[in-house]
Amino acid sequence: MLVPLKNKEFKLAPLGEVKSETRLREKGNEINQEMFFEQYKMVDGVQEAYKLTILRDGKAYLEGNLTEAILHTQKVDDSVFQQP
């Protein structure tokens, strides 16, 4: 949970480069995949990455740019999460 990070003892700052890294199996070989999330913009109070770059074993694989983000922030009724 991130709520404790609101405590004044913590100081939050942007990391700059944000990435996710994982190992994949492709055509029988294991490869390293890095996903870089960049160009953040505020959308309805939430930071959204507008650029994504994927590298596989250090080589460019995919680059994409988000042109529009719409967040659906309507409240879901608590009854939806009750056990039957």
PDB file of N, CA and C in Angstrom:
ATOM      1  N   MET A   1       0.838  -1.185   0.000  1.00  0.00           N
ATOM      2  CA  MET A   1       0.000   0.000   0.000  1.00  0.00           C
ATOM      3  C   MET A   1       0.880   1.244   0.000  1.00  0.00           C
ATOM      4  N   LEU A   2       0.450   2.251  -0.704  1.00  0.00           N
ATOM      5  CA  LEU A   2       1.223   3.483  -0.812  1.00  0.00           C
ATOM      6  C   LEU A   2       0.833   4.535   0.211  1.00  0.00           C
ATOM      7  N   VAL A   3      -0.262   4.317   0.934  1.00  0.00           N
ATOM      8  CA  VAL A   3      -0.754   5.316   1.879  1.00  0.00           C
ATOM      9  C   VAL A   3       0.318   5.730   2.883  1.00  0.00           C
ATOM     10  N   PRO A   4       1.125   4.808   3.449  1.00  0.00           N
ATOM     11  CA  PRO A   4       2.153   5.242   4.406  1.00  0.00           C
ATOM     12  C   PRO A   4       3.156   6.239   3.816  1.00  0.00           C
ATOM     13  N   LEU A   5       3.292   6.268   2.516  1.00  0.00           N
ATOM     14  CA  LEU A   5       4.244   7.190   1.888  1.00  0.00           C
ATOM     15  C   LEU A   5       3.797   8.647   1.975  1.00  0.00           C
ATOM     16  N   LYS A   6       2.549   8.877   2.398  1.00  0.00           N
ATOM     17  CA  LYS A   6       2.079  10.248   2.596  1.00  0.00           C
ATOM     18  C   LYS A   6       2.671  10.858   3.865  1.00  0.00           C
ATOM     19  N   ASN A   7       3.217  10.014   4.734  1.00  0.00           N
ATOM     20  CA  ASN A   7       3.838  10.475   5.961  1.00  0.00           C
ATOM     21  C   ASN A   7       4.972  11.437   5.630  1.00  0.00           C
ATOM     22  N   LYS A   8       5.125  12.496   6.425  1.00  0.00           N
ATOM     23  CA  LYS A   8       6.151  13.516   6.168  1.00  0.00           C
ATOM     24  C   LYS A   8       7.575  12.973   6.277  1.00  0.00           C
ATOM     25  N   GLU A   9       7.740  11.785   6.848  1.00  0.00           N
ATOM     26  CA  GLU A   9       9.070  11.181   6.938  1.00  0.00           C
ATOM     27  C   GLU A   9       9.599  10.778   5.560  1.00  0.00           C
ATOM     28  N   PHE A  10       8.712  10.606   4.604  1.00  0.00           N
ATOM     29  CA  PHE A  10       9.093  10.178   3.265  1.00  0.00           C
ATOM     30  C   PHE A  10       9.094  11.363   2.317  1.00  0.00           C
ATOM     31  N   LYS A  11      10.053  11.381   1.421  1.00  0.00           N
ATOM     32  CA  LYS A  11      10.079  12.402   0.377  1.00  0.00           C
ATOM     33  C   LYS A  11      10.060  11.677  -0.956  1.00  0.00           C
ATOM     34  N   LEU A  12       9.042  11.955  -1.759  1.00  0.00           N
ATOM     35  CA  LEU A  12       8.909  11.319  -3.059  1.00  0.00           C
ATOM     36  C   LEU A  12       9.402  12.265  -4.146  1.00  0.00           C
ATOM     37  N   ALA A  13      10.102  11.695  -5.112  1.00  0.00           N
ATOM     38  CA  ALA A  13      10.614  12.485  -6.232  1.00  0.00           C
ATOM     39  C   ALA A  13      10.584  11.625  -7.478  1.00  0.00           C
ATOM     40  N   PRO A  14      10.457  12.253  -8.644  1.00  0.00           N
ATOM     41  CA  PRO A  14      10.469  11.477  -9.892  1.00  0.00           C
ATOM     42  C   PRO A  14      11.791  10.743 -10.068  1.00  0.00           C
ATOM     43  N   LEU A  15      11.704   9.549 -10.611  1.00  0.00           N
ATOM     44  CA  LEU A  15      12.911   8.761 -10.841  1.00  0.00           C
ATOM     45  C   LEU A  15      13.602   9.108 -12.156  1.00  0.00           C
ATOM     46  N   GLY A  16      12.903   9.832 -13.001  1.00  0.00           N
ATOM     47  CA  GLY A  16      13.464  10.071 -14.325  1.00  0.00           C
ATOM     48  C   GLY A  16      13.040   8.930 -15.228  1.00  0.00           C
ATOM     49  N   GLU A  17      13.961   8.073 -15.563  1.00  0.00           N
ATOM     50  CA  GLU A  17      13.674   6.935 -16.436  1.00  0.00           C
ATOM     51  C   GLU A  17      12.884   5.886 -15.656  1.00  0.00           C
ATOM     52  N   VAL A  18      11.747   5.474 -16.181  1.00  0.00           N
ATOM     53  CA  VAL A  18      10.930   4.428 -15.548  1.00  0.00           C
ATOM     54  C   VAL A  18      10.910   3.234 -16.477  1.00  0.00           C
ATOM     55  N   LYS A  19      11.222   2.053 -15.935  1.00  0.00           N
ATOM     56  CA  LYS A  19      11.227   0.879 -16.798  1.00  0.00           C
ATOM     57  C   LYS A  19      10.784  -0.368 -16.054  1.00  0.00           C
ATOM     58  N   SER A  20      10.376  -1.326 -16.846  1.00  0.00           N
ATOM     59  CA  SER A  20      10.021  -2.657 -16.374  1.00  0.00           C
ATOM     60  C   SER A  20      10.917  -3.625 -17.128  1.00  0.00           C
ATOM     61  N   GLU A  21      11.406  -4.636 -16.450  1.00  0.00           N
ATOM     62  CA  GLU A  21      12.300  -5.590 -17.101  1.00  0.00           C
ATOM     63  C   GLU A  21      11.848  -7.015 -16.789  1.00  0.00           C
ATOM     64  N   THR A  22      11.886  -7.874 -17.805  1.00  0.00           N
ATOM     65  CA  THR A  22      11.464  -9.261 -17.625  1.00  0.00           C
ATOM     66  C   THR A  22      12.218 -10.167 -18.590  1.00  0.00           C
ATOM     67  N   ARG A  23      12.183 -11.453 -18.309  1.00  0.00           N
ATOM     68  CA  ARG A  23      12.765 -12.455 -19.205  1.00  0.00           C
ATOM     69  C   ARG A  23      11.624 -13.135 -19.943  1.00  0.00           C
ATOM     70  N   LEU A  24      11.784 -13.302 -21.260  1.00  0.00           N
ATOM     71  CA  LEU A  24      10.775 -13.938 -22.098  1.00  0.00           C
ATOM     72  C   LEU A  24      11.382 -15.118 -22.839  1.00  0.00           C
ATOM     73  N   ARG A  25      10.519 -16.017 -23.260  1.00  0.00           N
ATOM     74  CA  ARG A  25      10.953 -17.117 -24.126  1.00  0.00           C
ATOM     75  C   ARG A  25      10.379 -16.838 -25.511  1.00  0.00           C
ATOM     76  N   GLU A  26      11.264 -16.725 -26.490  1.00  0.00           N
ATOM     77  CA  GLU A  26      10.857 -16.451 -27.864  1.00  0.00           C
ATOM     78  C   GLU A  26      11.568 -17.426 -28.790  1.00  0.00           C
ATOM     79  N   LYS A  27      10.779 -18.212 -29.510  1.00  0.00           N
ATOM     80  CA  LYS A  27      11.317 -19.211 -30.444  1.00  0.00           C
ATOM     81  C   LYS A  27      12.341 -20.117 -29.767  1.00  0.00           C
ATOM     82  N   GLY A  28      12.024 -20.502 -28.517  1.00  0.00           N
ATOM     83  CA  GLY A  28      12.884 -21.427 -27.779  1.00  0.00           C
ATOM     84  C   GLY A  28      14.062 -20.789 -27.076  1.00  0.00           C
ATOM     85  N   ASN A  29      14.265 -19.483 -27.265  1.00  0.00           N
ATOM     86  CA  ASN A  29      15.383 -18.786 -26.619  1.00  0.00           C
ATOM     87  C   ASN A  29      14.874 -17.840 -25.548  1.00  0.00           C
ATOM     88  N   GLU A  30      15.640 -17.707 -24.458  1.00  0.00           N
ATOM     89  CA  GLU A  30      15.295 -16.721 -23.437  1.00  0.00           C
ATOM     90  C   GLU A  30      15.891 -15.387 -23.834  1.00  0.00           C
ATOM     91  N   ILE A  31      15.063 -14.337 -23.733  1.00  0.00           N
ATOM     92  CA  ILE A  31      15.533 -12.992 -24.053  1.00  0.00           C
ATOM     93  C   ILE A  31      15.154 -12.040 -22.924  1.00  0.00           C
ATOM     94  N   ASN A  32      15.873 -10.941 -22.842  1.00  0.00           N
ATOM     95  CA  ASN A  32      15.587  -9.904 -21.861  1.00  0.00           C
ATOM     96  C   ASN A  32      14.753  -8.820 -22.531  1.00  0.00           C
ATOM     97  N   GLN A  33      13.630  -8.451 -21.917  1.00  0.00           N
ATOM     98  CA  GLN A  33      12.788  -7.382 -22.454  1.00  0.00           C
ATOM     99  C   GLN A  33      12.729  -6.234 -21.454  1.00  0.00           C
ATOM    100  N   GLU A  34      13.014  -5.027 -21.935  1.00  0.00           N
ATOM    101  CA  GLU A  34      12.911  -3.820 -21.130  1.00  0.00           C
ATOM    102  C   GLU A  34      11.828  -2.936 -21.725  1.00  0.00           C
ATOM    103  N   MET A  35      10.951  -2.409 -20.863  1.00  0.00           N
ATOM    104  CA  MET A  35       9.900  -1.496 -21.290  1.00  0.00           C
ATOM    105  C   MET A  35      10.136  -0.165 -20.583  1.00  0.00           C
ATOM    106  N   PHE A  36      10.306   0.908 -21.366  1.00  0.00           N
ATOM    107  CA  PHE A  36      10.551   2.235 -20.826  1.00  0.00           C
ATOM    108  C   PHE A  36       9.293   3.084 -20.981  1.00  0.00           C
ATOM    109  N   PHE A  37       8.856   3.693 -19.885  1.00  0.00           N
ATOM    110  CA  PHE A  37       7.663   4.528 -19.855  1.00  0.00           C
ATOM    111  C   PHE A  37       8.115   5.975 -19.683  1.00  0.00           C
ATOM    112  N   GLU A  38       7.722   6.854 -20.622  1.00  0.00           N
ATOM    113  CA  GLU A  38       8.221   8.228 -20.613  1.00  0.00           C
ATOM    114  C   GLU A  38       7.115   9.223 -20.969  1.00  0.00           C
ATOM    115  N   GLN A  39       7.482  10.483 -20.967  1.00  0.00           N
ATOM    116  CA  GLN A  39       6.606  11.594 -21.342  1.00  0.00           C
ATOM    117  C   GLN A  39       5.265  11.545 -20.602  1.00  0.00           C
ATOM    118  N   TYR A  40       5.347  11.607 -19.291  1.00  0.00           N
ATOM    119  CA  TYR A  40       4.140  11.542 -18.457  1.00  0.00           C
ATOM    120  C   TYR A  40       3.346  12.836 -18.533  1.00  0.00           C
ATOM    121  N   LYS A  41       2.021  12.682 -18.534  1.00  0.00           N
ATOM    122  CA  LYS A  41       1.101  13.813 -18.475  1.00  0.00           C
ATOM    123  C   LYS A  41       0.022  13.488 -17.451  1.00  0.00           C
ATOM    124  N   MET A  42      -0.481  14.535 -16.805  1.00  0.00           N
ATOM    125  CA  MET A  42      -1.536  14.358 -15.809  1.00  0.00           C
ATOM    126  C   MET A  42      -2.881  14.181 -16.515  1.00  0.00           C
ATOM    127  N   VAL A  43      -3.599  13.097 -16.177  1.00  0.00           N
ATOM    128  CA  VAL A  43      -4.922  12.819 -16.731  1.00  0.00           C
ATOM    129  C   VAL A  43      -5.853  12.535 -15.558  1.00  0.00           C
ATOM    130  N   ASP A  44      -6.794  13.434 -15.330  1.00  0.00           N
ATOM    131  CA  ASP A  44      -7.747  13.290 -14.211  1.00  0.00           C
ATOM    132  C   ASP A  44      -7.044  12.967 -12.892  1.00  0.00           C
ATOM    133  N   GLY A  45      -5.946  13.662 -12.627  1.00  0.00           N
ATOM    134  CA  GLY A  45      -5.224  13.489 -11.367  1.00  0.00           C
ATOM    135  C   GLY A  45      -4.290  12.302 -11.324  1.00  0.00           C
ATOM    136  N   VAL A  46      -4.103  11.616 -12.446  1.00  0.00           N
ATOM    137  CA  VAL A  46      -3.230  10.439 -12.509  1.00  0.00           C
ATOM    138  C   VAL A  46      -2.168  10.673 -13.581  1.00  0.00           C
ATOM    139  N   GLN A  47      -0.917  10.371 -13.259  1.00  0.00           N
ATOM    140  CA  GLN A  47       0.160  10.485 -14.239  1.00  0.00           C
ATOM    141  C   GLN A  47       0.093   9.295 -15.196  1.00  0.00           C
ATOM    142  N   GLU A  48       0.016   9.575 -16.485  1.00  0.00           N
ATOM    143  CA  GLU A  48      -0.035   8.537 -17.513  1.00  0.00           C
ATOM    144  C   GLU A  48       1.154   8.700 -18.455  1.00  0.00           C
ATOM    145  N   ALA A  49       1.817   7.589 -18.776  1.00  0.00           N
ATOM    146  CA  ALA A  49       2.933   7.620 -19.724  1.00  0.00           C
ATOM    147  C   ALA A  49       2.379   7.729 -21.135  1.00  0.00           C
ATOM    148  N   TYR A  50       2.889   8.678 -21.895  1.00  0.00           N
ATOM    149  CA  TYR A  50       2.437   8.880 -23.265  1.00  0.00           C
ATOM    150  C   TYR A  50       3.422   8.296 -24.278  1.00  0.00           C
ATOM    151  N   LYS A  51       4.534   7.757 -23.818  1.00  0.00           N
ATOM    152  CA  LYS A  51       5.492   7.134 -24.728  1.00  0.00           C
ATOM    153  C   LYS A  51       5.960   5.810 -24.122  1.00  0.00           C
ATOM    154  N   LEU A  52       6.035   4.778 -24.956  1.00  0.00           N
ATOM    155  CA  LEU A  52       6.499   3.454 -24.553  1.00  0.00           C
ATOM    156  C   LEU A  52       7.553   2.993 -25.552  1.00  0.00           C
ATOM    157  N   THR A  53       8.687   2.537 -25.029  1.00  0.00           N
ATOM    158  CA  THR A  53       9.737   1.971 -25.868  1.00  0.00           C
ATOM    159  C   THR A  53      10.068   0.591 -25.321  1.00  0.00           C
ATOM    160  N   ILE A  54      10.114  -0.404 -26.213  1.00  0.00           N
ATOM    161  CA  ILE A  54      10.451  -1.768 -25.801  1.00  0.00           C
ATOM    162  C   ILE A  54      11.736  -2.183 -26.495  1.00  0.00           C
ATOM    163  N   LEU A  55      12.669  -2.683 -25.675  1.00  0.00           N
ATOM    164  CA  LEU A  55      13.917  -3.243 -26.187  1.00  0.00           C
ATOM    165  C   LEU A  55      13.934  -4.735 -25.879  1.00  0.00           C
ATOM    166  N   ARG A  56      14.412  -5.512 -26.818  1.00  0.00           N
ATOM    167  CA  ARG A  56      14.607  -6.946 -26.589  1.00  0.00           C
ATOM    168  C   ARG A  56      16.075  -7.254 -26.801  1.00  0.00           C
ATOM    169  N   ASP A  57      16.700  -7.758 -25.740  1.00  0.00           N
ATOM    170  CA  ASP A  57      18.149  -7.989 -25.716  1.00  0.00           C
ATOM    171  C   ASP A  57      18.905  -6.751 -26.163  1.00  0.00           C
ATOM    172  N   GLY A  58      18.442  -5.584 -25.693  1.00  0.00           N
ATOM    173  CA  GLY A  58      19.124  -4.326 -25.952  1.00  0.00           C
ATOM    174  C   GLY A  58      18.861  -3.708 -27.312  1.00  0.00           C
ATOM    175  N   LYS A  59      18.050  -4.364 -28.139  1.00  0.00           N
ATOM    176  CA  LYS A  59      17.765  -3.846 -29.477  1.00  0.00           C
ATOM    177  C   LYS A  59      16.327  -3.333 -29.544  1.00  0.00           C
ATOM    178  N   ALA A  60      16.147  -2.221 -30.297  1.00  0.00           N
ATOM    179  CA  ALA A  60      14.816  -1.639 -30.445  1.00  0.00           C
ATOM    180  C   ALA A  60      13.843  -2.675 -30.984  1.00  0.00           C
ATOM    181  N   TYR A  61      12.685  -2.795 -30.342  1.00  0.00           N
ATOM    182  CA  TYR A  61      11.665  -3.751 -30.763  1.00  0.00           C
ATOM    183  C   TYR A  61      10.363  -3.039 -31.120  1.00  0.00           C
ATOM    184  N   LEU A  62       9.960  -2.048 -30.272  1.00  0.00           N
ATOM    185  CA  LEU A  62       8.705  -1.347 -30.491  1.00  0.00           C
ATOM    186  C   LEU A  62       8.774   0.021 -29.833  1.00  0.00           C
ATOM    187  N   GLU A  63       8.190   1.012 -30.482  1.00  0.00           N
ATOM    188  CA  GLU A  63       8.041   2.330 -29.878  1.00  0.00           C
ATOM    189  C   GLU A  63       6.643   2.831 -30.194  1.00  0.00           C
ATOM    190  N   GLY A  64       5.970   3.329 -29.180  1.00  0.00           N
ATOM    191  CA  GLY A  64       4.612   3.810 -29.379  1.00  0.00           C
ATOM    192  C   GLY A  64       4.352   5.079 -28.608  1.00  0.00           C
ATOM    193  N   ASN A  65       3.437   5.886 -29.133  1.00  0.00           N
ATOM    194  CA  ASN A  65       3.043   7.131 -28.480  1.00  0.00           C
ATOM    195  C   ASN A  65       1.541   7.141 -28.275  1.00  0.00           C
ATOM    196  N   LEU A  66       1.126   7.474 -27.083  1.00  0.00           N
ATOM    197  CA  LEU A  66      -0.286   7.605 -26.753  1.00  0.00           C
ATOM    198  C   LEU A  66      -0.730   9.005 -27.150  1.00  0.00           C
ATOM    199  N   THR A  67      -1.846   9.107 -27.834  1.00  0.00           N
ATOM    200  CA  THR A  67      -2.324  10.420 -28.253  1.00  0.00           C
ATOM    201  C   THR A  67      -3.426  10.951 -27.351  1.00  0.00           C
ATOM    202  N   GLU A  68      -4.158  10.045 -26.688  1.00  0.00           N
ATOM    203  CA  GLU A  68      -5.237  10.466 -25.802  1.00  0.00           C
ATOM    204  C   GLU A  68      -5.450   9.413 -24.730  1.00  0.00           C
ATOM    205  N   ALA A  69      -5.688   9.861 -23.507  1.00  0.00           N
ATOM    206  CA  ALA A  69      -5.981   8.951 -22.402  1.00  0.00           C
ATOM    207  C   ALA A  69      -7.270   9.404 -21.738  1.00  0.00           C
ATOM    208  N   ILE A  70      -8.196   8.479 -21.563  1.00  0.00           N
ATOM    209  CA  ILE A  70      -9.453   8.761 -20.879  1.00  0.00           C
ATOM    210  C   ILE A  70      -9.576   7.746 -19.743  1.00  0.00           C
ATOM    211  N   LEU A  71      -9.637   8.233 -18.526  1.00  0.00           N
ATOM    212  CA  LEU A  71      -9.776   7.346 -17.373  1.00  0.00           C
ATOM    213  C   LEU A  71     -11.239   7.281 -16.963  1.00  0.00           C
ATOM    214  N   HIS A  72     -11.696   6.100 -16.701  1.00  0.00           N
ATOM    215  CA  HIS A  72     -13.063   5.906 -16.227  1.00  0.00           C
ATOM    216  C   HIS A  72     -12.983   5.765 -14.715  1.00  0.00           C
ATOM    217  N   THR A  73     -13.306   6.829 -14.022  1.00  0.00           N
ATOM    218  CA  THR A  73     -13.115   6.869 -12.572  1.00  0.00           C
ATOM    219  C   THR A  73     -14.415   6.777 -11.790  1.00  0.00           C
ATOM    220  N   GLN A  74     -15.474   6.288 -12.436  1.00  0.00           N
ATOM    221  CA  GLN A  74     -16.735   6.191 -11.711  1.00  0.00           C
ATOM    222  C   GLN A  74     -16.629   5.148 -10.601  1.00  0.00           C
ATOM    223  N   LYS A  75     -17.315   5.398  -9.512  1.00  0.00           N
ATOM    224  CA  LYS A  75     -17.274   4.492  -8.367  1.00  0.00           C
ATOM    225  C   LYS A  75     -18.084   3.238  -8.666  1.00  0.00           C
ATOM    226  N   VAL A  76     -17.496   2.098  -8.336  1.00  0.00           N
ATOM    227  CA  VAL A  76     -18.181   0.822  -8.478  1.00  0.00           C
ATOM    228  C   VAL A  76     -18.855   0.507  -7.145  1.00  0.00           C
ATOM    229  N   ASP A  77     -20.104   0.106  -7.188  1.00  0.00           N
ATOM    230  CA  ASP A  77     -20.861  -0.202  -5.979  1.00  0.00           C
ATOM    231  C   ASP A  77     -20.171  -1.322  -5.207  1.00  0.00           C
ATOM    232  N   ASP A  78     -20.050  -1.161  -3.896  1.00  0.00           N
ATOM    233  CA  ASP A  78     -19.385  -2.149  -3.034  1.00  0.00           C
ATOM    234  C   ASP A  78     -20.004  -3.537  -3.142  1.00  0.00           C
ATOM    235  N   SER A  79     -21.283  -3.623  -3.486  1.00  0.00           N
ATOM    236  CA  SER A  79     -21.953  -4.923  -3.594  1.00  0.00           C
ATOM    237  C   SER A  79     -21.314  -5.811  -4.680  1.00  0.00           C
ATOM    238  N   VAL A  80     -20.662  -5.202  -5.646  1.00  0.00           N
ATOM    239  CA  VAL A  80     -20.014  -5.947  -6.709  1.00  0.00           C
ATOM    240  C   VAL A  80     -18.931  -6.865  -6.144  1.00  0.00           C
ATOM    241  N   PHE A  81     -18.306  -6.445  -5.039  1.00  0.00           N
ATOM    242  CA  PHE A  81     -17.192  -7.190  -4.473  1.00  0.00           C
ATOM    243  C   PHE A  81     -17.585  -8.108  -3.311  1.00  0.00           C
ATOM    244  N   GLN A  82     -18.879  -8.207  -3.014  1.00  0.00           N
ATOM    245  CA  GLN A  82     -19.325  -9.081  -1.933  1.00  0.00           C
ATOM    246  C   GLN A  82     -19.351 -10.532  -2.407  1.00  0.00           C
ATOM    247  N   GLN A  83     -19.039 -11.427  -1.474  1.00  0.00           N
ATOM    248  CA  GLN A  83     -19.068 -12.846  -1.806  1.00  0.00           C
ATOM    249  C   GLN A  83     -20.511 -13.294  -1.996  1.00  0.00           C
ATOM    250  N   PRO A  84     -20.719 -14.197  -2.941  1.00  0.00           N
ATOM    251  CA  PRO A  84     -22.098 -14.690  -3.185  1.00  0.00           C
ATOM    252  C   PRO A  84     -22.610 -15.517  -2.030  1.00  0.00           C
TER     253      PRO A  84
END
